[in-house]
Amino acid sequence: MPREQSLVTRSLRRLLVRMYAVNRLRALTVWLVRRLDGPEMTSPTIRQIFSVYFKVDIGMYTHGACFDPFTVDEQTRIGRYCSIAKGARVLNHNHPSDFKSTSGIFFNPHFGLCDHSLVKYNPLEIGNDVWIGANAVVLPEVNRIGDGAIIGAGAVVHRDVPPYAVMLGNPARVVKYRFDEETIATLLAEKWWERDLDDLARDVREFQEPLQPLIAAHRSGPAGGAE
């Protein structure tokens, strides 16, 4: 991209981020962002908007309900290549049980009676390549959801989730792991999600069929490992 065009694009992005502050312009702003950047999955501008106005940091190539305002509470960091289904909810705070009222009117600055939140938020880190299913709920007790984890539809998560664990139920529990321990360790060390999609396209076959047989074939070597 020519330098002059790059400068114009950066200036336009800054303008769109400022425009989002005006409630009546938000729908228009999002429409313009999509025209400028394309899909939310790869849009740097929509990520800046969510970081500034909702205090949610979203990694590149992540998509889904995390781009619906207030689906994910502030002080949440979401990694790259995550999939978050509609109806999911990520909660980083509780309503106060020791105040005179539990109503958000009294502790939430969006209602205008206070200038900052009067409840404590618990920062949450959602790793890379995490899939959170429809209507799943992540409660404020959770500090981290590990890389590669799956949260099943309707699950209610109340504790940290290990990497590559599959969590189901209410309360959610680990029902299995996606791969064996050696494969998980290999994937965590590889950190494939740090690569951009164009780069990964060269190895796309690894992402389009079951991984375990590919790993087994690699470990055994040519002709099943025979000399």
C-alpha atoms as a PDB file:
ATOM      1  CA  MET A   1       0.000   0.000   0.000  1.00  0.00           C
ATOM      2  CA  PRO A   2       1.453   3.435  -0.947  1.00  0.00           C
ATOM      3  CA  ARG A   3       2.505   5.566   2.006  1.00  0.00           C
ATOM      4  CA  GLU A   4      -0.074   8.284   1.258  1.00  0.00           C
ATOM      5  CA  GLN A   5      -2.895   5.741   1.050  1.00  0.00           C
ATOM      6  CA  SER A   6      -1.687   4.100   4.264  1.00  0.00           C
ATOM      7  CA  LEU A   7      -1.788   7.457   6.076  1.00  0.00           C
ATOM      8  CA  VAL A   8      -5.323   8.130   4.815  1.00  0.00           C
ATOM      9  CA  THR A   9      -6.467   4.679   5.957  1.00  0.00           C
ATOM     10  CA  ARG A  10      -4.988   5.151   9.429  1.00  0.00           C
ATOM     11  CA  SER A  11      -6.609   8.578   9.735  1.00  0.00           C
ATOM     12  CA  LEU A  12      -9.957   7.164   8.619  1.00  0.00           C
ATOM     13  CA  ARG A  13      -9.730   4.379  11.183  1.00  0.00           C
ATOM     14  CA  ARG A  14      -9.030   6.886  13.956  1.00  0.00           C
ATOM     15  CA  LEU A  15     -12.034   8.921  12.826  1.00  0.00           C
ATOM     16  CA  LEU A  16     -14.297   5.852  12.862  1.00  0.00           C
ATOM     17  CA  VAL A  17     -13.160   4.923  16.360  1.00  0.00           C
ATOM     18  CA  ARG A  18     -14.050   8.442  17.557  1.00  0.00           C
ATOM     19  CA  MET A  19     -17.401   8.341  15.732  1.00  0.00           C
ATOM     20  CA  TYR A  20     -18.394   5.225  17.659  1.00  0.00           C
ATOM     21  CA  ALA A  21     -18.567   7.311  20.832  1.00  0.00           C
ATOM     22  CA  VAL A  22     -21.771   8.922  19.509  1.00  0.00           C
ATOM     23  CA  ASN A  23     -24.609   6.476  20.155  1.00  0.00           C
ATOM     24  CA  ARG A  24     -26.732   7.551  17.200  1.00  0.00           C
ATOM     25  CA  LEU A  25     -23.772   7.040  14.850  1.00  0.00           C
ATOM     26  CA  ARG A  26     -22.819   3.560  16.031  1.00  0.00           C
ATOM     27  CA  ALA A  27     -24.758   1.582  13.422  1.00  0.00           C
ATOM     28  CA  LEU A  28     -23.377   3.793  10.665  1.00  0.00           C
ATOM     29  CA  THR A  29     -19.865   3.491  12.080  1.00  0.00           C
ATOM     30  CA  VAL A  30     -20.000  -0.312  12.098  1.00  0.00           C
ATOM     31  CA  TRP A  31     -21.281  -0.280   8.502  1.00  0.00           C
ATOM     32  CA  LEU A  32     -18.404   1.991   7.440  1.00  0.00           C
ATOM     33  CA  VAL A  33     -15.888  -0.168   9.301  1.00  0.00           C
ATOM     34  CA  ARG A  34     -17.079  -3.211   7.371  1.00  0.00           C
ATOM     35  CA  ARG A  35     -16.741  -1.322   4.101  1.00  0.00           C
ATOM     36  CA  LEU A  36     -13.198  -0.271   5.045  1.00  0.00           C
ATOM     37  CA  ASP A  37     -11.863  -3.463   6.636  1.00  0.00           C
ATOM     38  CA  GLY A  38     -14.124  -6.247   5.443  1.00  0.00           C
ATOM     39  CA  PRO A  39     -15.249  -9.038   7.834  1.00  0.00           C
ATOM     40  CA  GLU A  40     -14.901  -8.622  11.599  1.00  0.00           C
ATOM     41  CA  MET A  41     -12.618 -11.669  11.607  1.00  0.00           C
ATOM     42  CA  THR A  42      -9.770  -9.575  10.171  1.00  0.00           C
ATOM     43  CA  SER A  43     -10.810  -6.004  10.982  1.00  0.00           C
ATOM     44  CA  PRO A  44      -8.283  -4.004  13.043  1.00  0.00           C
ATOM     45  CA  THR A  45     -10.727  -1.106  13.408  1.00  0.00           C
ATOM     46  CA  ILE A  46     -13.516  -3.078  15.073  1.00  0.00           C
ATOM     47  CA  ARG A  47     -10.921  -4.540  17.443  1.00  0.00           C
ATOM     48  CA  GLN A  48      -9.791  -1.054  18.409  1.00  0.00           C
ATOM     49  CA  ILE A  49     -13.416  -0.013  18.993  1.00  0.00           C
ATOM     50  CA  PHE A  50     -14.027  -2.955  21.336  1.00  0.00           C
ATOM     51  CA  SER A  51     -10.769  -2.313  23.167  1.00  0.00           C
ATOM     52  CA  VAL A  52     -11.530   1.397  23.682  1.00  0.00           C
ATOM     53  CA  TYR A  53     -15.264   1.289  24.437  1.00  0.00           C
ATOM     54  CA  PHE A  54     -15.808  -2.165  25.932  1.00  0.00           C
ATOM     55  CA  LYS A  55     -12.335  -2.939  27.345  1.00  0.00           C
ATOM     56  CA  VAL A  56     -12.279  -6.261  25.518  1.00  0.00           C
ATOM     57  CA  ASP A  57      -9.160  -7.199  23.533  1.00  0.00           C
ATOM     58  CA  ILE A  58      -9.877  -9.602  20.674  1.00  0.00           C
ATOM     59  CA  GLY A  59      -7.192 -11.442  18.717  1.00  0.00           C
ATOM     60  CA  MET A  60      -7.040 -11.580  14.940  1.00  0.00           C
ATOM     61  CA  TYR A  61      -9.100 -14.243  13.123  1.00  0.00           C
ATOM     62  CA  THR A  62     -11.420 -14.635  16.119  1.00  0.00           C
ATOM     63  CA  HIS A  63     -15.074 -14.349  15.187  1.00  0.00           C
ATOM     64  CA  GLY A  64     -18.605 -14.605  16.536  1.00  0.00           C
ATOM     65  CA  ALA A  65     -20.599 -13.166  19.400  1.00  0.00           C
ATOM     66  CA  CYS A  66     -17.587 -11.443  20.980  1.00  0.00           C
ATOM     67  CA  PHE A  67     -18.360  -8.614  18.548  1.00  0.00           C
ATOM     68  CA  ASP A  68     -21.858  -8.181  19.987  1.00  0.00           C
ATOM     69  CA  PRO A  69     -21.635  -5.340  22.549  1.00  0.00           C
ATOM     70  CA  PHE A  70     -21.855  -6.462  26.194  1.00  0.00           C
ATOM     71  CA  THR A  71     -21.728 -10.175  25.364  1.00  0.00           C
ATOM     72  CA  VAL A  72     -18.234 -10.209  26.868  1.00  0.00           C
ATOM     73  CA  ASP A  73     -17.548  -8.224  30.020  1.00  0.00           C
ATOM     74  CA  GLU A  74     -14.722  -5.729  30.240  1.00  0.00           C
ATOM     75  CA  GLN A  75     -11.209  -6.788  31.238  1.00  0.00           C
ATOM     76  CA  THR A  76     -11.384  -9.836  28.993  1.00  0.00           C
ATOM     77  CA  ARG A  77      -8.599 -10.760  26.614  1.00  0.00           C
ATOM     78  CA  ILE A  78      -9.463 -13.188  23.820  1.00  0.00           C
ATOM     79  CA  GLY A  79      -6.774 -14.913  21.772  1.00  0.00           C
ATOM     80  CA  ARG A  80      -6.518 -15.584  18.049  1.00  0.00           C
ATOM     81  CA  TYR A  81      -8.604 -17.998  15.944  1.00  0.00           C
ATOM     82  CA  CYS A  82     -11.370 -18.338  18.564  1.00  0.00           C
ATOM     83  CA  SER A  83     -15.016 -19.108  17.724  1.00  0.00           C
ATOM     84  CA  ILE A  84     -17.729 -17.759  20.021  1.00  0.00           C
ATOM     85  CA  ALA A  85     -21.312 -18.772  19.245  1.00  0.00           C
ATOM     86  CA  LYS A  86     -24.383 -16.591  19.501  1.00  0.00           C
ATOM     87  CA  GLY A  87     -26.005 -16.653  22.918  1.00  0.00           C
ATOM     88  CA  ALA A  88     -22.726 -17.210  24.757  1.00  0.00           C
ATOM     89  CA  ARG A  89     -22.043 -14.881  27.698  1.00  0.00           C
ATOM     90  CA  VAL A  90     -18.748 -14.087  29.394  1.00  0.00           C
ATOM     91  CA  LEU A  91     -19.186 -12.538  32.845  1.00  0.00           C
ATOM     92  CA  ASN A  92     -16.386 -10.850  34.756  1.00  0.00           C
ATOM     93  CA  HIS A  93     -18.426  -9.429  37.622  1.00  0.00           C
ATOM     94  CA  ASN A  94     -21.337 -10.189  39.906  1.00  0.00           C
ATOM     95  CA  HIS A  95     -24.110  -7.910  41.071  1.00  0.00           C
ATOM     96  CA  PRO A  96     -23.332  -6.841  44.657  1.00  0.00           C
ATOM     97  CA  SER A  97     -25.036  -8.955  47.283  1.00  0.00           C
ATOM     98  CA  ASP A  98     -23.859  -6.693  50.133  1.00  0.00           C
ATOM     99  CA  PHE A  99     -25.266  -3.422  48.730  1.00  0.00           C
ATOM    100  CA  LYS A 100     -28.758  -2.253  49.636  1.00  0.00           C
ATOM    101  CA  SER A 101     -29.837  -3.213  46.102  1.00  0.00           C
ATOM    102  CA  THR A 102     -28.460  -5.642  43.530  1.00  0.00           C
ATOM    103  CA  SER A 103     -29.734  -3.437  40.665  1.00  0.00           C
ATOM    104  CA  GLY A 104     -27.211  -2.305  38.078  1.00  0.00           C
ATOM    105  CA  ILE A 105     -28.816   1.130  38.181  1.00  0.00           C
ATOM    106  CA  PHE A 106     -26.783   1.919  41.301  1.00  0.00           C
ATOM    107  CA  PHE A 107     -23.362   0.466  40.425  1.00  0.00           C
ATOM    108  CA  ASN A 108     -23.156   0.580  36.626  1.00  0.00           C
ATOM    109  CA  PRO A 109     -21.957   3.921  35.185  1.00  0.00           C
ATOM    110  CA  HIS A 110     -24.001   3.344  31.994  1.00  0.00           C
ATOM    111  CA  PHE A 111     -27.106   4.286  33.982  1.00  0.00           C
ATOM    112  CA  GLY A 112     -25.667   7.665  34.955  1.00  0.00           C
ATOM    113  CA  LEU A 113     -25.792   7.513  38.775  1.00  0.00           C
ATOM    114  CA  CYS A 114     -22.049   6.893  39.151  1.00  0.00           C
ATOM    115  CA  ASP A 115     -19.031   7.809  37.050  1.00  0.00           C
ATOM    116  CA  HIS A 116     -17.266   4.433  37.350  1.00  0.00           C
ATOM    117  CA  SER A 117     -18.168   0.845  38.098  1.00  0.00           C
ATOM    118  CA  LEU A 118     -18.682   0.191  41.812  1.00  0.00           C
ATOM    119  CA  VAL A 119     -18.170  -3.574  41.553  1.00  0.00           C
ATOM    120  CA  LYS A 120     -14.954  -5.483  41.090  1.00  0.00           C
ATOM    121  CA  TYR A 121     -14.153  -7.098  37.758  1.00  0.00           C
ATOM    122  CA  ASN A 122     -12.113 -10.291  37.586  1.00  0.00           C
ATOM    123  CA  PRO A 123      -9.809 -10.155  34.537  1.00  0.00           C
ATOM    124  CA  LEU A 124     -10.182 -13.155  32.224  1.00  0.00           C
ATOM    125  CA  GLU A 125      -7.853 -14.515  29.589  1.00  0.00           C
ATOM    126  CA  ILE A 126      -9.323 -16.716  26.885  1.00  0.00           C
ATOM    127  CA  GLY A 127      -6.578 -18.523  25.000  1.00  0.00           C
ATOM    128  CA  ASN A 128      -6.159 -19.146  21.297  1.00  0.00           C
ATOM    129  CA  ASP A 129      -8.261 -21.514  19.178  1.00  0.00           C
ATOM    130  CA  VAL A 130     -10.982 -21.676  21.854  1.00  0.00           C
ATOM    131  CA  TRP A 131     -14.519 -22.649  20.847  1.00  0.00           C
ATOM    132  CA  ILE A 132     -17.347 -21.463  23.109  1.00  0.00           C
ATOM    133  CA  GLY A 133     -20.681 -23.006  22.144  1.00  0.00           C
ATOM    134  CA  ALA A 134     -24.157 -21.480  21.946  1.00  0.00           C
ATOM    135  CA  ASN A 135     -25.639 -20.252  25.238  1.00  0.00           C
ATOM    136  CA  ALA A 136     -22.569 -21.210  27.256  1.00  0.00           C
ATOM    137  CA  VAL A 137     -21.875 -19.005  30.288  1.00  0.00           C
ATOM    138  CA  VAL A 138     -18.454 -18.233  31.738  1.00  0.00           C
ATOM    139  CA  LEU A 139     -18.774 -17.036  35.340  1.00  0.00           C
ATOM    140  CA  PRO A 140     -16.634 -14.410  37.113  1.00  0.00           C
ATOM    141  CA  GLU A 141     -14.742 -17.067  39.094  1.00  0.00           C
ATOM    142  CA  VAL A 142     -12.859 -18.072  35.942  1.00  0.00           C
ATOM    143  CA  ASN A 143      -9.397 -16.572  35.360  1.00  0.00           C
ATOM    144  CA  ARG A 144      -8.259 -18.464  32.272  1.00  0.00           C
ATOM    145  CA  ILE A 145      -9.570 -20.679  29.519  1.00  0.00           C
ATOM    146  CA  GLY A 146      -6.629 -22.525  28.008  1.00  0.00           C
ATOM    147  CA  ASP A 147      -5.573 -22.712  24.379  1.00  0.00           C
ATOM    148  CA  GLY A 148      -7.577 -25.110  22.245  1.00  0.00           C
ATOM    149  CA  ALA A 149     -10.351 -25.632  24.802  1.00  0.00           C
ATOM    150  CA  ILE A 150     -13.978 -26.345  23.893  1.00  0.00           C
ATOM    151  CA  ILE A 151     -16.885 -25.088  26.008  1.00  0.00           C
ATOM    152  CA  GLY A 152     -19.985 -27.017  25.001  1.00  0.00           C
ATOM    153  CA  ALA A 153     -23.348 -25.443  24.240  1.00  0.00           C
ATOM    154  CA  GLY A 154     -25.200 -24.464  27.406  1.00  0.00           C
ATOM    155  CA  ALA A 155     -22.255 -25.211  29.690  1.00  0.00           C
ATOM    156  CA  VAL A 156     -21.808 -23.082  32.819  1.00  0.00           C
ATOM    157  CA  VAL A 157     -18.110 -22.666  33.537  1.00  0.00           C
ATOM    158  CA  HIS A 158     -17.159 -21.783  37.110  1.00  0.00           C
ATOM    159  CA  ARG A 159     -13.463 -22.699  37.191  1.00  0.00           C
ATOM    160  CA  ASP A 160     -10.375 -22.440  35.006  1.00  0.00           C
ATOM    161  CA  VAL A 161     -10.259 -24.610  31.900  1.00  0.00           C
ATOM    162  CA  PRO A 162      -7.073 -26.537  30.977  1.00  0.00           C
ATOM    163  CA  PRO A 163      -5.678 -26.351  27.434  1.00  0.00           C
ATOM    164  CA  TYR A 164      -7.479 -28.603  24.941  1.00  0.00           C
ATOM    165  CA  ALA A 165     -10.067 -29.692  27.515  1.00  0.00           C
ATOM    166  CA  VAL A 166     -13.691 -30.275  26.487  1.00  0.00           C
ATOM    167  CA  MET A 167     -16.068 -28.870  29.127  1.00  0.00           C
ATOM    168  CA  LEU A 168     -19.740 -29.812  29.254  1.00  0.00           C
ATOM    169  CA  GLY A 169     -22.649 -29.472  31.653  1.00  0.00           C
ATOM    170  CA  ASN A 170     -23.849 -27.305  34.538  1.00  0.00           C
ATOM    171  CA  PRO A 171     -21.619 -26.969  36.402  1.00  0.00           C
ATOM    172  CA  ALA A 172     -19.197 -27.619  33.556  1.00  0.00           C
ATOM    173  CA  ARG A 173     -16.723 -30.457  33.973  1.00  0.00           C
ATOM    174  CA  VAL A 174     -13.908 -31.832  31.844  1.00  0.00           C
ATOM    175  CA  VAL A 175     -15.322 -34.809  29.942  1.00  0.00           C
ATOM    176  CA  LYS A 176     -12.252 -35.450  27.789  1.00  0.00           C
ATOM    177  CA  TYR A 177      -9.280 -33.839  26.079  1.00  0.00           C
ATOM    178  CA  ARG A 178      -9.122 -33.242  22.357  1.00  0.00           C
ATOM    179  CA  PHE A 179      -5.774 -35.011  21.979  1.00  0.00           C
ATOM    180  CA  ASP A 180      -3.320 -37.123  23.975  1.00  0.00           C
ATOM    181  CA  GLU A 181      -0.819 -35.436  26.294  1.00  0.00           C
ATOM    182  CA  GLU A 182       2.073 -35.635  23.847  1.00  0.00           C
ATOM    183  CA  THR A 183       0.063 -34.045  21.043  1.00  0.00           C
ATOM    184  CA  ILE A 184      -1.189 -31.283  23.337  1.00  0.00           C
ATOM    185  CA  ALA A 185       2.361 -30.513  24.445  1.00  0.00           C
ATOM    186  CA  THR A 186       3.473 -30.379  20.803  1.00  0.00           C
ATOM    187  CA  LEU A 187       0.672 -27.990  19.841  1.00  0.00           C
ATOM    188  CA  LEU A 188       1.297 -25.703  22.813  1.00  0.00           C
ATOM    189  CA  ALA A 189       4.988 -25.535  21.931  1.00  0.00           C
ATOM    190  CA  GLU A 190       4.260 -24.993  18.235  1.00  0.00           C
ATOM    191  CA  LYS A 191       1.926 -22.011  18.852  1.00  0.00           C
ATOM    192  CA  TRP A 192       0.581 -22.210  15.311  1.00  0.00           C
ATOM    193  CA  TRP A 193      -1.936 -19.449  16.104  1.00  0.00           C
ATOM    194  CA  GLU A 194       0.847 -16.879  16.113  1.00  0.00           C
ATOM    195  CA  ARG A 195       1.072 -17.300  12.331  1.00  0.00           C
ATOM    196  CA  ASP A 196      -1.164 -15.313   9.991  1.00  0.00           C
ATOM    197  CA  LEU A 197      -3.784 -17.038   7.895  1.00  0.00           C
ATOM    198  CA  ASP A 198      -1.907 -16.472   4.625  1.00  0.00           C
ATOM    199  CA  ASP A 199       1.089 -18.251   6.109  1.00  0.00           C
ATOM    200  CA  LEU A 200      -0.987 -21.148   7.468  1.00  0.00           C
ATOM    201  CA  ALA A 201      -2.544 -21.673   4.038  1.00  0.00           C
ATOM    202  CA  ARG A 202       0.673 -23.423   2.975  1.00  0.00           C
ATOM    203  CA  ASP A 203      -0.047 -26.140   5.559  1.00  0.00           C
ATOM    204  CA  VAL A 204      -3.826 -26.054   5.243  1.00  0.00           C
ATOM    205  CA  ARG A 205      -4.167 -29.859   4.993  1.00  0.00           C
ATOM    206  CA  GLU A 206      -3.166 -30.146   8.652  1.00  0.00           C
ATOM    207  CA  PHE A 207      -6.264 -28.119   9.546  1.00  0.00           C
ATOM    208  CA  GLN A 208      -8.763 -29.898   7.313  1.00  0.00           C
ATOM    209  CA  GLU A 209      -8.720 -33.490   8.541  1.00  0.00           C
ATOM    210  CA  PRO A 210      -8.380 -35.321  11.875  1.00  0.00           C
ATOM    211  CA  LEU A 211      -5.045 -34.444  13.428  1.00  0.00           C
ATOM    212  CA  GLN A 212      -4.351 -37.570  15.494  1.00  0.00           C
ATOM    213  CA  PRO A 213      -3.786 -39.890  12.486  1.00  0.00           C
ATOM    214  CA  LEU A 214      -1.425 -37.321  10.952  1.00  0.00           C
ATOM    215  CA  ILE A 215       0.524 -37.131  14.207  1.00  0.00           C
ATOM    216  CA  ALA A 216       0.659 -40.924  14.480  1.00  0.00           C
ATOM    217  CA  ALA A 217       1.946 -41.228  10.902  1.00  0.00           C
ATOM    218  CA  HIS A 218       4.590 -38.592  11.578  1.00  0.00           C
ATOM    219  CA  ARG A 219       5.765 -40.319  14.760  1.00  0.00           C
ATOM    220  CA  SER A 220       6.011 -43.730  13.117  1.00  0.00           C
ATOM    221  CA  GLY A 221       7.951 -42.396  10.154  1.00  0.00           C
ATOM    222  CA  PRO A 222       8.116 -43.878   6.646  1.00  0.00           C
ATOM    223  CA  ALA A 223       6.660 -47.356   6.309  1.00  0.00           C
ATOM    224  CA  GLY A 224       5.507 -47.437   9.898  1.00  0.00           C
ATOM    225  CA  GLY A 225       8.983 -46.706  11.218  1.00  0.00           C
ATOM    226  CA  ALA A 226      10.623 -49.737   9.569  1.00  0.00           C
ATOM    227  CA  GLU A 227      14.288 -49.486   8.758  1.00  0.00           C
END
